[in-house]
């Protein structure tokens, strides 16, 4: 468990003498928000772990039973990816769902990622 001190440093409560100088934890924590119901919403990294990574994919327990969706919508990422695999083009999908082509590309990248066993 970690806590942020007044000095803006994160402290490991299991070992208070250990300071986390790396920004990795902070970057990951920026991807977690609280929704109106007080539940945590997660925006996973798609391509790289950095602050510049857009928050396009959202996992919210109150939307689509916690399945990944395009942020701000209820459009499941699996639906977009399956239609792309069925030969629908990125531009056609973007037009049909009213989303930017970049969002559709990110969704396909997310759904095509290798999953650890």
PDB file of N, CA and C in Angstrom:
ATOM      1  N   UNK A   1       0.846  -1.164   0.000  1.00  0.00           N
ATOM      2  CA  UNK A   1       0.000   0.000   0.000  1.00  0.00           C
ATOM      3  C   UNK A   1       0.897   1.234   0.000  1.00  0.00           C
ATOM      4  N   UNK A   2       0.472   2.241  -0.760  1.00  0.00           N
ATOM      5  CA  UNK A   2       1.243   3.461  -0.881  1.00  0.00           C
ATOM      6  C   UNK A   2       0.398   4.660  -0.463  1.00  0.00           C
ATOM      7  N   UNK A   3       1.049   5.695   0.026  1.00  0.00           N
ATOM      8  CA  UNK A   3       0.367   6.923   0.414  1.00  0.00           C
ATOM      9  C   UNK A   3       1.212   8.102  -0.077  1.00  0.00           C
ATOM     10  N   UNK A   4       0.546   9.187  -0.455  1.00  0.00           N
ATOM     11  CA  UNK A   4       1.257  10.381  -0.911  1.00  0.00           C
ATOM     12  C   UNK A   4       1.451  11.301   0.286  1.00  0.00           C
ATOM     13  N   UNK A   5       2.700  11.675   0.518  1.00  0.00           N
ATOM     14  CA  UNK A   5       3.018  12.590   1.604  1.00  0.00           C
ATOM     15  C   UNK A   5       2.821  14.033   1.149  1.00  0.00           C
ATOM     16  N   UNK A   6       2.970  14.962   2.080  1.00  0.00           N
ATOM     17  CA  UNK A   6       2.828  16.379   1.764  1.00  0.00           C
ATOM     18  C   UNK A   6       3.851  16.828   0.733  1.00  0.00           C
ATOM     19  N   UNK A   7       5.001  16.172   0.699  1.00  0.00           N
ATOM     20  CA  UNK A   7       6.071  16.547  -0.230  1.00  0.00           C
ATOM     21  C   UNK A   7       5.823  15.998  -1.621  1.00  0.00           C
ATOM     22  N   UNK A   8       4.653  15.412  -1.854  1.00  0.00           N
ATOM     23  CA  UNK A   8       4.295  14.829  -3.148  1.00  0.00           C
ATOM     24  C   UNK A   8       5.051  13.546  -3.453  1.00  0.00           C
ATOM     25  N   UNK A   9       5.726  12.965  -2.467  1.00  0.00           N
ATOM     26  CA  UNK A   9       6.408  11.704  -2.682  1.00  0.00           C
ATOM     27  C   UNK A   9       5.501  10.564  -2.247  1.00  0.00           C
ATOM     28  N   UNK A  10       5.616   9.427  -2.930  1.00  0.00           N
ATOM     29  CA  UNK A  10       4.864   8.245  -2.537  1.00  0.00           C
ATOM     30  C   UNK A  10       5.696   7.438  -1.557  1.00  0.00           C
ATOM     31  N   UNK A  11       5.032   6.969  -0.501  1.00  0.00           N
ATOM     32  CA  UNK A  11       5.715   6.198   0.515  1.00  0.00           C
ATOM     33  C   UNK A  11       5.095   4.812   0.587  1.00  0.00           C
ATOM     34  N   UNK A  12       5.941   3.814   0.603  1.00  0.00           N
ATOM     35  CA  UNK A  12       5.508   2.434   0.749  1.00  0.00           C
ATOM     36  C   UNK A  12       5.205   2.208   2.224  1.00  0.00           C
ATOM     37  N   UNK A  13       3.943   1.971   2.575  1.00  0.00           N
ATOM     38  CA  UNK A  13       3.574   1.803   3.976  1.00  0.00           C
ATOM     39  C   UNK A  13       4.126   0.517   4.579  1.00  0.00           C
ATOM     40  N   UNK A  14       4.476  -0.441   3.726  1.00  0.00           N
ATOM     41  CA  UNK A  14       5.086  -1.669   4.220  1.00  0.00           C
ATOM     42  C   UNK A  14       6.534  -1.434   4.625  1.00  0.00           C
ATOM     43  N   UNK A  15       7.158  -0.409   4.081  1.00  0.00           N
ATOM     44  CA  UNK A  15       8.539  -0.054   4.391  1.00  0.00           C
ATOM     45  C   UNK A  15       8.654   1.462   4.289  1.00  0.00           C
ATOM     46  N   UNK A  16       8.272   2.196   5.345  1.00  0.00           N
ATOM     47  CA  UNK A  16       8.203   3.661   5.282  1.00  0.00           C
ATOM     48  C   UNK A  16       9.513   4.343   4.913  1.00  0.00           C
ATOM     49  N   UNK A  17      10.642   3.677   5.101  1.00  0.00           N
ATOM     50  CA  UNK A  17      11.920   4.299   4.758  1.00  0.00           C
ATOM     51  C   UNK A  17      12.198   4.278   3.254  1.00  0.00           C
ATOM     52  N   UNK A  18      11.456   3.465   2.552  1.00  0.00           N
ATOM     53  CA  UNK A  18      11.685   3.343   1.113  1.00  0.00           C
ATOM     54  C   UNK A  18      10.878   4.397   0.362  1.00  0.00           C
ATOM     55  N   UNK A  19      11.532   5.236  -0.395  1.00  0.00           N
ATOM     56  CA  UNK A  19      10.863   6.265  -1.198  1.00  0.00           C
ATOM     57  C   UNK A  19      10.788   5.785  -2.642  1.00  0.00           C
ATOM     58  N   UNK A  20       9.677   6.027  -3.264  1.00  0.00           N
ATOM     59  CA  UNK A  20       9.539   5.670  -4.670  1.00  0.00           C
ATOM     60  C   UNK A  20       9.910   6.876  -5.517  1.00  0.00           C
ATOM     61  N   UNK A  21      11.056   6.806  -6.129  1.00  0.00           N
ATOM     62  CA  UNK A  21      11.522   7.908  -6.948  1.00  0.00           C
ATOM     63  C   UNK A  21      11.044   7.772  -8.380  1.00  0.00           C
ATOM     64  N   UNK A  22      10.641   6.589  -8.739  1.00  0.00           N
ATOM     65  CA  UNK A  22      10.196   6.364 -10.109  1.00  0.00           C
ATOM     66  C   UNK A  22       8.796   6.910 -10.313  1.00  0.00           C
ATOM     67  N   UNK A  23       8.500   7.314 -11.515  1.00  0.00           N
ATOM     68  CA  UNK A  23       7.187   7.859 -11.839  1.00  0.00           C
ATOM     69  C   UNK A  23       6.248   6.793 -12.394  1.00  0.00           C
ATOM     70  N   UNK A  24       6.715   5.566 -12.433  1.00  0.00           N
ATOM     71  CA  UNK A  24       5.903   4.499 -13.013  1.00  0.00           C
ATOM     72  C   UNK A  24       4.576   4.350 -12.284  1.00  0.00           C
ATOM     73  N   UNK A  25       4.601   4.313 -10.976  1.00  0.00           N
ATOM     74  CA  UNK A  25       3.370   4.155 -10.214  1.00  0.00           C
ATOM     75  C   UNK A  25       2.434   5.336 -10.432  1.00  0.00           C
ATOM     76  N   UNK A  26       2.989   6.533 -10.454  1.00  0.00           N
ATOM     77  CA  UNK A  26       2.157   7.721 -10.662  1.00  0.00           C
ATOM     78  C   UNK A  26       1.485   7.705 -12.027  1.00  0.00           C
ATOM     79  N   UNK A  27       2.232   7.307 -13.054  1.00  0.00           N
ATOM     80  CA  UNK A  27       1.666   7.251 -14.399  1.00  0.00           C
ATOM     81  C   UNK A  27       0.505   6.261 -14.437  1.00  0.00           C
ATOM     82  N   UNK A  28       0.673   5.123 -13.764  1.00  0.00           N
ATOM     83  CA  UNK A  28      -0.394   4.127 -13.725  1.00  0.00           C
ATOM     84  C   UNK A  28      -1.591   4.620 -12.917  1.00  0.00           C
ATOM     85  N   UNK A  29      -1.352   5.318 -11.829  1.00  0.00           N
ATOM     86  CA  UNK A  29      -2.441   5.814 -10.994  1.00  0.00           C
ATOM     87  C   UNK A  29      -3.267   6.879 -11.717  1.00  0.00           C
ATOM     88  N   UNK A  30      -2.650   7.609 -12.651  1.00  0.00           N
ATOM     89  CA  UNK A  30      -3.377   8.614 -13.422  1.00  0.00           C
ATOM     90  C   UNK A  30      -4.408   7.975 -14.350  1.00  0.00           C
ATOM     91  N   UNK A  31      -4.313   6.677 -14.554  1.00  0.00           N
ATOM     92  CA  UNK A  31      -5.234   5.964 -15.441  1.00  0.00           C
ATOM     93  C   UNK A  31      -6.460   5.450 -14.687  1.00  0.00           C
ATOM     94  N   UNK A  32      -6.562   5.758 -13.412  1.00  0.00           N
ATOM     95  CA  UNK A  32      -7.690   5.320 -12.593  1.00  0.00           C
ATOM     96  C   UNK A  32      -8.466   6.553 -12.132  1.00  0.00           C
ATOM     97  N   UNK A  33      -9.771   6.531 -12.354  1.00  0.00           N
ATOM     98  CA  UNK A  33     -10.645   7.631 -11.928  1.00  0.00           C
ATOM     99  C   UNK A  33     -11.816   7.047 -11.145  1.00  0.00           C
ATOM    100  N   UNK A  34     -12.590   7.911 -10.531  1.00  0.00           N
ATOM    101  CA  UNK A  34     -13.782   7.490  -9.795  1.00  0.00           C
ATOM    102  C   UNK A  34     -15.004   8.005 -10.551  1.00  0.00           C
ATOM    103  N   UNK A  35     -15.983   7.109 -10.797  1.00  0.00           N
ATOM    104  CA  UNK A  35     -17.181   7.521 -11.529  1.00  0.00           C
ATOM    105  C   UNK A  35     -18.213   8.128 -10.585  1.00  0.00           C
ATOM    106  N   UNK A  36     -19.376   8.502 -11.111  1.00  0.00           N
ATOM    107  CA  UNK A  36     -20.428   9.139 -10.313  1.00  0.00           C
ATOM    108  C   UNK A  36     -20.943   8.247  -9.201  1.00  0.00           C
ATOM    109  N   UNK A  37     -20.848   6.930  -9.399  1.00  0.00           N
ATOM    110  CA  UNK A  37     -21.315   5.980  -8.387  1.00  0.00           C
ATOM    111  C   UNK A  37     -20.258   5.723  -7.319  1.00  0.00           C
ATOM    112  N   UNK A  38     -19.099   6.354  -7.462  1.00  0.00           N
ATOM    113  CA  UNK A  38     -18.022   6.157  -6.494  1.00  0.00           C
ATOM    114  C   UNK A  38     -17.188   4.916  -6.762  1.00  0.00           C
ATOM    115  N   UNK A  39     -17.342   4.332  -7.935  1.00  0.00           N
ATOM    116  CA  UNK A  39     -16.583   3.138  -8.300  1.00  0.00           C
ATOM    117  C   UNK A  39     -15.392   3.521  -9.168  1.00  0.00           C
ATOM    118  N   UNK A  40     -14.368   2.678  -9.133  1.00  0.00           N
ATOM    119  CA  UNK A  40     -13.166   2.956  -9.906  1.00  0.00           C
ATOM    120  C   UNK A  40     -13.360   2.632 -11.381  1.00  0.00           C
ATOM    121  N   UNK A  41     -12.862   3.516 -12.225  1.00  0.00           N
ATOM    122  CA  UNK A  41     -12.877   3.355 -13.678  1.00  0.00           C
ATOM    123  C   UNK A  41     -11.421   3.310 -14.117  1.00  0.00           C
ATOM    124  N   UNK A  42     -11.095   2.359 -14.974  1.00  0.00           N
ATOM    125  CA  UNK A  42      -9.714   2.155 -15.408  1.00  0.00           C
ATOM    126  C   UNK A  42      -9.578   2.417 -16.899  1.00  0.00           C
ATOM    127  N   UNK A  43      -8.541   3.143 -17.269  1.00  0.00           N
ATOM    128  CA  UNK A  43      -8.217   3.418 -18.667  1.00  0.00           C
ATOM    129  C   UNK A  43      -6.899   2.715 -18.971  1.00  0.00           C
ATOM    130  N   UNK A  44      -6.950   1.497 -19.505  1.00  0.00           N
ATOM    131  CA  UNK A  44      -5.720   0.740 -19.717  1.00  0.00           C
ATOM    132  C   UNK A  44      -4.838   1.339 -20.811  1.00  0.00           C
ATOM    133  N   UNK A  45      -3.552   1.062 -20.700  1.00  0.00           N
ATOM    134  CA  UNK A  45      -2.617   1.452 -21.754  1.00  0.00           C
ATOM    135  C   UNK A  45      -2.851   0.532 -22.941  1.00  0.00           C
ATOM    136  N   UNK A  46      -2.738   1.072 -24.137  1.00  0.00           N
ATOM    137  CA  UNK A  46      -2.924   0.270 -25.335  1.00  0.00           C
ATOM    138  C   UNK A  46      -1.583   0.015 -26.017  1.00  0.00           C
ATOM    139  N   UNK A  47      -0.828   1.077 -26.230  1.00  0.00           N
ATOM    140  CA  UNK A  47       0.415   0.941 -26.989  1.00  0.00           C
ATOM    141  C   UNK A  47       1.662   1.062 -26.118  1.00  0.00           C
ATOM    142  N   UNK A  48       1.725   2.095 -25.292  1.00  0.00           N
ATOM    143  CA  UNK A  48       2.910   2.299 -24.445  1.00  0.00           C
ATOM    144  C   UNK A  48       2.483   2.919 -23.120  1.00  0.00           C
ATOM    145  N   UNK A  49       3.272   2.690 -22.115  1.00  0.00           N
ATOM    146  CA  UNK A  49       2.983   3.230 -20.788  1.00  0.00           C
ATOM    147  C   UNK A  49       3.622   4.609 -20.651  1.00  0.00           C
ATOM    148  N   UNK A  50       2.833   5.639 -20.961  1.00  0.00           N
ATOM    149  CA  UNK A  50       3.326   7.003 -20.844  1.00  0.00           C
ATOM    150  C   UNK A  50       2.151   7.934 -20.587  1.00  0.00           C
ATOM    151  N   UNK A  51       2.468   9.128 -20.116  1.00  0.00           N
ATOM    152  CA  UNK A  51       1.421  10.113 -19.850  1.00  0.00           C
ATOM    153  C   UNK A  51       0.718  10.553 -21.129  1.00  0.00           C
ATOM    154  N   UNK A  52       1.404  10.447 -22.251  1.00  0.00           N
ATOM    155  CA  UNK A  52       0.825  10.893 -23.519  1.00  0.00           C
ATOM    156  C   UNK A  52      -0.137   9.876 -24.130  1.00  0.00           C
ATOM    157  N   UNK A  53      -0.195   8.679 -23.566  1.00  0.00           N
ATOM    158  CA  UNK A  53      -1.100   7.638 -24.077  1.00  0.00           C
ATOM    159  C   UNK A  53      -2.549   8.097 -23.885  1.00  0.00           C
ATOM    160  N   UNK A  54      -3.330   8.173 -24.960  1.00  0.00           N
ATOM    161  CA  UNK A  54      -4.715   8.646 -24.819  1.00  0.00           C
ATOM    162  C   UNK A  54      -5.589   7.660 -24.045  1.00  0.00           C
ATOM    163  N   UNK A  55      -6.603   8.203 -23.395  1.00  0.00           N
ATOM    164  CA  UNK A  55      -7.547   7.379 -22.624  1.00  0.00           C
ATOM    165  C   UNK A  55      -8.749   7.055 -23.504  1.00  0.00           C
ATOM    166  N   UNK A  56      -8.561   6.113 -24.409  1.00  0.00           N
ATOM    167  CA  UNK A  56      -9.611   5.763 -25.367  1.00  0.00           C
ATOM    168  C   UNK A  56     -10.423   4.571 -24.895  1.00  0.00           C
ATOM    169  N   UNK A  57      -9.773   3.603 -24.278  1.00  0.00           N
ATOM    170  CA  UNK A  57     -10.455   2.411 -23.780  1.00  0.00           C
ATOM    171  C   UNK A  57     -10.773   2.627 -22.305  1.00  0.00           C
ATOM    172  N   UNK A  58     -11.999   2.263 -21.909  1.00  0.00           N
ATOM    173  CA  UNK A  58     -12.437   2.465 -20.528  1.00  0.00           C
ATOM    174  C   UNK A  58     -13.038   1.165 -19.989  1.00  0.00           C
ATOM    175  N   UNK A  59     -12.695   0.852 -18.758  1.00  0.00           N
ATOM    176  CA  UNK A  59     -13.299  -0.291 -18.072  1.00  0.00           C
ATOM    177  C   UNK A  59     -13.997   0.266 -16.837  1.00  0.00           C
ATOM    178  N   UNK A  60     -15.325   0.248 -16.882  1.00  0.00           N
ATOM    179  CA  UNK A  60     -16.156   0.821 -15.826  1.00  0.00           C
ATOM    180  C   UNK A  60     -17.154  -0.256 -15.405  1.00  0.00           C
ATOM    181  N   UNK A  61     -17.187  -0.613 -14.126  1.00  0.00           N
ATOM    182  CA  UNK A  61     -18.101  -1.673 -13.703  1.00  0.00           C
ATOM    183  C   UNK A  61     -19.578  -1.361 -13.911  1.00  0.00           C
ATOM    184  N   UNK A  62     -19.920  -0.097 -14.135  1.00  0.00           N
ATOM    185  CA  UNK A  62     -21.323   0.268 -14.338  1.00  0.00           C
ATOM    186  C   UNK A  62     -21.719   0.323 -15.812  1.00  0.00           C
ATOM    187  N   UNK A  63     -20.763   0.089 -16.715  1.00  0.00           N
ATOM    188  CA  UNK A  63     -21.044   0.122 -18.151  1.00  0.00           C
ATOM    189  C   UNK A  63     -20.651  -1.222 -18.763  1.00  0.00           C
ATOM    190  N   UNK A  64     -21.578  -1.835 -19.454  1.00  0.00           N
ATOM    191  CA  UNK A  64     -21.349  -3.094 -20.168  1.00  0.00           C
ATOM    192  C   UNK A  64     -20.770  -4.174 -19.246  1.00  0.00           C
ATOM    193  N   UNK A  65     -21.220  -4.189 -18.006  1.00  0.00           N
ATOM    194  CA  UNK A  65     -20.797  -5.190 -17.019  1.00  0.00           C
ATOM    195  C   UNK A  65     -19.280  -5.216 -16.833  1.00  0.00           C
ATOM    196  N   UNK A  66     -18.630  -4.067 -16.988  1.00  0.00           N
ATOM    197  CA  UNK A  66     -17.191  -3.972 -16.776  1.00  0.00           C
ATOM    198  C   UNK A  66     -16.343  -4.415 -17.954  1.00  0.00           C
ATOM    199  N   UNK A  67     -16.983  -4.710 -19.085  1.00  0.00           N
ATOM    200  CA  UNK A  67     -16.205  -5.053 -20.280  1.00  0.00           C
ATOM    201  C   UNK A  67     -15.616  -3.780 -20.874  1.00  0.00           C
ATOM    202  N   UNK A  68     -14.470  -3.876 -21.552  1.00  0.00           N
ATOM    203  CA  UNK A  68     -13.872  -2.682 -22.158  1.00  0.00           C
ATOM    204  C   UNK A  68     -14.783  -2.054 -23.208  1.00  0.00           C
ATOM    205  N   UNK A  69     -14.909  -0.729 -23.136  1.00  0.00           N
ATOM    206  CA  UNK A  69     -15.709   0.036 -24.097  1.00  0.00           C
ATOM    207  C   UNK A  69     -14.895   1.244 -24.544  1.00  0.00           C
ATOM    208  N   UNK A  70     -15.357   1.893 -25.597  1.00  0.00           N
ATOM    209  CA  UNK A  70     -14.750   3.158 -26.004  1.00  0.00           C
ATOM    210  C   UNK A  70     -15.164   4.194 -24.964  1.00  0.00           C
ATOM    211  N   UNK A  71     -14.201   4.927 -24.427  1.00  0.00           N
ATOM    212  CA  UNK A  71     -14.463   5.901 -23.365  1.00  0.00           C
ATOM    213  C   UNK A  71     -15.559   6.877 -23.776  1.00  0.00           C
ATOM    214  N   UNK A  72     -16.483   7.133 -22.858  1.00  0.00           N
ATOM    215  CA  UNK A  72     -17.575   8.061 -23.102  1.00  0.00           C
ATOM    216  C   UNK A  72     -18.736   7.462 -23.864  1.00  0.00           C
ATOM    217  N   UNK A  73     -18.650   6.173 -24.162  1.00  0.00           N
ATOM    218  CA  UNK A  73     -19.721   5.496 -24.896  1.00  0.00           C
ATOM    219  C   UNK A  73     -19.997   4.160 -24.209  1.00  0.00           C
ATOM    220  N   UNK A  74     -20.930   3.440 -24.722  1.00  0.00           N
ATOM    221  CA  UNK A  74     -21.179   2.080 -24.266  1.00  0.00           C
ATOM    222  C   UNK A  74     -20.797   1.073 -25.343  1.00  0.00           C
ATOM    223  N   UNK A  75     -19.977   1.513 -26.306  1.00  0.00           N
ATOM    224  CA  UNK A  75     -19.622   0.658 -27.436  1.00  0.00           C
ATOM    225  C   UNK A  75     -18.525  -0.314 -27.010  1.00  0.00           C
ATOM    226  N   UNK A  76     -18.837  -1.616 -26.939  1.00  0.00           N
ATOM    227  CA  UNK A  76     -17.831  -2.598 -26.529  1.00  0.00           C
ATOM    228  C   UNK A  76     -16.702  -2.716 -27.556  1.00  0.00           C
ATOM    229  N   UNK A  77     -15.488  -2.782 -27.064  1.00  0.00           N
ATOM    230  CA  UNK A  77     -14.337  -2.914 -27.957  1.00  0.00           C
ATOM    231  C   UNK A  77     -14.391  -4.221 -28.739  1.00  0.00           C
ATOM    232  N   UNK A  78     -14.937  -5.262 -28.139  1.00  0.00           N
ATOM    233  CA  UNK A  78     -15.012  -6.565 -28.803  1.00  0.00           C
ATOM    234  C   UNK A  78     -15.897  -6.507 -30.045  1.00  0.00           C
ATOM    235  N   UNK A  79     -16.945  -5.692 -30.011  1.00  0.00           N
ATOM    236  CA  UNK A  79     -17.845  -5.573 -31.164  1.00  0.00           C
ATOM    237  C   UNK A  79     -17.110  -4.922 -32.333  1.00  0.00           C
ATOM    238  N   UNK A  80     -16.396  -3.846 -32.057  1.00  0.00           N
ATOM    239  CA  UNK A  80     -15.637  -3.158 -33.111  1.00  0.00           C
ATOM    240  C   UNK A  80     -14.596  -4.113 -33.706  1.00  0.00           C
ATOM    241  N   UNK A  81     -13.855  -4.802 -32.839  1.00  0.00           N
ATOM    242  CA  UNK A  81     -12.800  -5.701 -33.311  1.00  0.00           C
ATOM    243  C   UNK A  81     -13.364  -6.854 -34.130  1.00  0.00           C
ATOM    244  N   UNK A  82     -14.486  -7.399 -33.712  1.00  0.00           N
ATOM    245  CA  UNK A  82     -15.059  -8.524 -34.462  1.00  0.00           C
ATOM    246  C   UNK A  82     -15.563  -8.063 -35.833  1.00  0.00           C
ATOM    247  N   UNK A  83     -16.088  -6.866 -35.900  1.00  0.00           N
ATOM    248  CA  UNK A  83     -16.531  -6.341 -37.204  1.00  0.00           C
ATOM    249  C   UNK A  83     -15.333  -6.068 -38.103  1.00  0.00           C
ATOM    250  N   UNK A  84     -14.233  -5.611 -37.517  1.00  0.00           N
ATOM    251  CA  UNK A  84     -13.017  -5.391 -38.307  1.00  0.00           C
ATOM    252  C   UNK A  84     -12.482  -6.732 -38.825  1.00  0.00           C
ATOM    253  N   UNK A  85     -12.512  -7.749 -37.977  1.00  0.00           N
ATOM    254  CA  UNK A  85     -12.069  -9.081 -38.404  1.00  0.00           C
ATOM    255  C   UNK A  85     -12.984  -9.653 -39.486  1.00  0.00           C
ATOM    256  N   UNK A  86     -14.223  -9.194 -39.530  1.00  0.00           N
ATOM    257  CA  UNK A  86     -15.174  -9.628 -40.556  1.00  0.00           C
ATOM    258  C   UNK A  86     -15.052  -8.773 -41.821  1.00  0.00           C
ATOM    259  N   UNK A  87     -13.976  -7.992 -41.901  1.00  0.00           N
ATOM    260  CA  UNK A  87     -13.615  -7.215 -43.091  1.00  0.00           C
ATOM    261  C   UNK A  87     -14.282  -5.847 -43.217  1.00  0.00           C
ATOM    262  N   UNK A  88     -14.899  -5.337 -42.163  1.00  0.00           N
ATOM    263  CA  UNK A  88     -15.367  -3.946 -42.210  1.00  0.00           C
ATOM    264  C   UNK A  88     -14.131  -3.052 -42.105  1.00  0.00           C
ATOM    265  N   UNK A  89     -14.090  -1.966 -42.842  1.00  0.00           N
ATOM    266  CA  UNK A  89     -12.925  -1.083 -42.820  1.00  0.00           C
ATOM    267  C   UNK A  89     -12.963  -0.163 -41.595  1.00  0.00           C
ATOM    268  N   UNK A  90     -11.797   0.348 -41.253  1.00  0.00           N
ATOM    269  CA  UNK A  90     -11.693   1.271 -40.120  1.00  0.00           C
ATOM    270  C   UNK A  90     -12.528   2.520 -40.386  1.00  0.00           C
ATOM    271  N   UNK A  91     -12.463   3.038 -41.590  1.00  0.00           N
ATOM    272  CA  UNK A  91     -13.226   4.262 -41.890  1.00  0.00           C
ATOM    273  C   UNK A  91     -14.733   4.011 -41.834  1.00  0.00           C
ATOM    274  N   UNK A  92     -15.195   2.848 -42.322  1.00  0.00           N
ATOM    275  CA  UNK A  92     -16.620   2.525 -42.243  1.00  0.00           C
ATOM    276  C   UNK A  92     -17.079   2.386 -40.796  1.00  0.00           C
ATOM    277  N   UNK A  93     -16.266   1.727 -39.974  1.00  0.00           N
ATOM    278  CA  UNK A  93     -16.611   1.563 -38.557  1.00  0.00           C
ATOM    279  C   UNK A  93     -16.649   2.914 -37.850  1.00  0.00           C
ATOM    280  N   UNK A  94     -15.684   3.769 -38.149  1.00  0.00           N
ATOM    281  CA  UNK A  94     -15.641   5.097 -37.530  1.00  0.00           C
ATOM    282  C   UNK A  94     -16.892   5.898 -37.885  1.00  0.00           C
ATOM    283  N   UNK A  95     -17.296   5.840 -39.138  1.00  0.00           N
ATOM    284  CA  UNK A  95     -18.499   6.569 -39.569  1.00  0.00           C
ATOM    285  C   UNK A  95     -19.752   5.999 -38.922  1.00  0.00           C
ATOM    286  N   UNK A  96     -19.862   4.683 -38.929  1.00  0.00           N
ATOM    287  CA  UNK A  96     -21.069   4.051 -38.397  1.00  0.00           C
ATOM    288  C   UNK A  96     -21.261   4.320 -36.902  1.00  0.00           C
ATOM    289  N   UNK A  97     -20.171   4.293 -36.146  1.00  0.00           N
ATOM    290  CA  UNK A  97     -20.265   4.488 -34.698  1.00  0.00           C
ATOM    291  C   UNK A  97     -20.040   5.940 -34.273  1.00  0.00           C
ATOM    292  N   UNK A  98     -19.765   6.821 -35.235  1.00  0.00           N
ATOM    293  CA  UNK A  98     -19.573   8.233 -34.916  1.00  0.00           C
ATOM    294  C   UNK A  98     -18.317   8.486 -34.101  1.00  0.00           C
ATOM    295  N   UNK A  99     -17.261   7.747 -34.383  1.00  0.00           N
ATOM    296  CA  UNK A  99     -16.007   7.874 -33.651  1.00  0.00           C
ATOM    297  C   UNK A  99     -14.891   8.255 -34.626  1.00  0.00           C
ATOM    298  N   UNK A 100     -13.789   8.733 -34.107  1.00  0.00           N
ATOM    299  CA  UNK A 100     -12.626   9.051 -34.933  1.00  0.00           C
ATOM    300  C   UNK A 100     -11.935   7.756 -35.361  1.00  0.00           C
ATOM    301  N   UNK A 101     -11.308   7.786 -36.511  1.00  0.00           N
ATOM    302  CA  UNK A 101     -10.604   6.601 -36.991  1.00  0.00           C
ATOM    303  C   UNK A 101      -9.493   6.185 -36.025  1.00  0.00           C
ATOM    304  N   UNK A 102      -8.853   7.166 -35.384  1.00  0.00           N
ATOM    305  CA  UNK A 102      -7.797   6.855 -34.410  1.00  0.00           C
ATOM    306  C   UNK A 102      -8.357   6.019 -33.256  1.00  0.00           C
ATOM    307  N   UNK A 103      -9.563   6.340 -32.813  1.00  0.00           N
ATOM    308  CA  UNK A 103     -10.188   5.563 -31.741  1.00  0.00           C
ATOM    309  C   UNK A 103     -10.428   4.123 -32.183  1.00  0.00           C
ATOM    310  N   UNK A 104     -10.924   3.955 -33.390  1.00  0.00           N
ATOM    311  CA  UNK A 104     -11.190   2.609 -33.903  1.00  0.00           C
ATOM    312  C   UNK A 104      -9.877   1.827 -34.017  1.00  0.00           C
ATOM    313  N   UNK A 105      -8.826   2.485 -34.474  1.00  0.00           N
ATOM    314  CA  UNK A 105      -7.523   1.830 -34.568  1.00  0.00           C
ATOM    315  C   UNK A 105      -7.031   1.389 -33.191  1.00  0.00           C
ATOM    316  N   UNK A 106      -7.192   2.253 -32.182  1.00  0.00           N
ATOM    317  CA  UNK A 106      -6.773   1.915 -30.825  1.00  0.00           C
ATOM    318  C   UNK A 106      -7.568   0.726 -30.278  1.00  0.00           C
ATOM    319  N   UNK A 107      -8.855   0.701 -30.574  1.00  0.00           N
ATOM    320  CA  UNK A 107      -9.714  -0.401 -30.131  1.00  0.00           C
ATOM    321  C   UNK A 107      -9.236  -1.718 -30.739  1.00  0.00           C
ATOM    322  N   UNK A 108      -8.942  -1.689 -32.021  1.00  0.00           N
ATOM    323  CA  UNK A 108      -8.466  -2.904 -32.694  1.00  0.00           C
ATOM    324  C   UNK A 108      -7.118  -3.329 -32.133  1.00  0.00           C
ATOM    325  N   UNK A 109      -6.249  -2.368 -31.877  1.00  0.00           N
ATOM    326  CA  UNK A 109      -4.942  -2.666 -31.266  1.00  0.00           C
ATOM    327  C   UNK A 109      -5.144  -3.297 -29.881  1.00  0.00           C
ATOM    328  N   UNK A 110      -6.078  -2.737 -29.098  1.00  0.00           N
ATOM    329  CA  UNK A 110      -6.356  -3.259 -27.753  1.00  0.00           C
ATOM    330  C   UNK A 110      -6.854  -4.703 -27.816  1.00  0.00           C
ATOM    331  N   UNK A 111      -7.798  -4.946 -28.681  1.00  0.00           N
ATOM    332  CA  UNK A 111      -8.386  -6.279 -28.778  1.00  0.00           C
ATOM    333  C   UNK A 111      -7.428  -7.291 -29.425  1.00  0.00           C
ATOM    334  N   UNK A 112      -6.407  -6.818 -30.124  1.00  0.00           N
ATOM    335  CA  UNK A 112      -5.457  -7.709 -30.785  1.00  0.00           C
ATOM    336  C   UNK A 112      -4.226  -7.997 -29.929  1.00  0.00           C
ATOM    337  N   UNK A 113      -4.151  -7.402 -28.734  1.00  0.00           N
ATOM    338  CA  UNK A 113      -2.964  -7.577 -27.894  1.00  0.00           C
ATOM    339  C   UNK A 113      -2.858  -9.027 -27.431  1.00  0.00           C
ATOM    340  N   UNK A 114      -1.627  -9.498 -27.250  1.00  0.00           N
ATOM    341  CA  UNK A 114      -1.471 -10.842 -26.692  1.00  0.00           C
ATOM    342  C   UNK A 114      -1.856 -10.837 -25.215  1.00  0.00           C
ATOM    343  N   UNK A 115      -2.533 -11.860 -24.782  1.00  0.00           N
ATOM    344  CA  UNK A 115      -2.957 -11.948 -23.384  1.00  0.00           C
ATOM    345  C   UNK A 115      -2.072 -12.957 -22.683  1.00  0.00           C
ATOM    346  N   UNK A 116      -1.535 -12.546 -21.526  1.00  0.00           N
ATOM    347  CA  UNK A 116      -0.656 -13.432 -20.770  1.00  0.00           C
ATOM    348  C   UNK A 116      -1.438 -14.626 -20.242  1.00  0.00           C
ATOM    349  N   UNK A 117      -0.795 -15.759 -20.271  1.00  0.00           N
ATOM    350  CA  UNK A 117      -1.458 -16.995 -19.794  1.00  0.00           C
ATOM    351  C   UNK A 117      -1.330 -17.138 -18.306  1.00  0.00           C
TER     352      UNK A 117
END
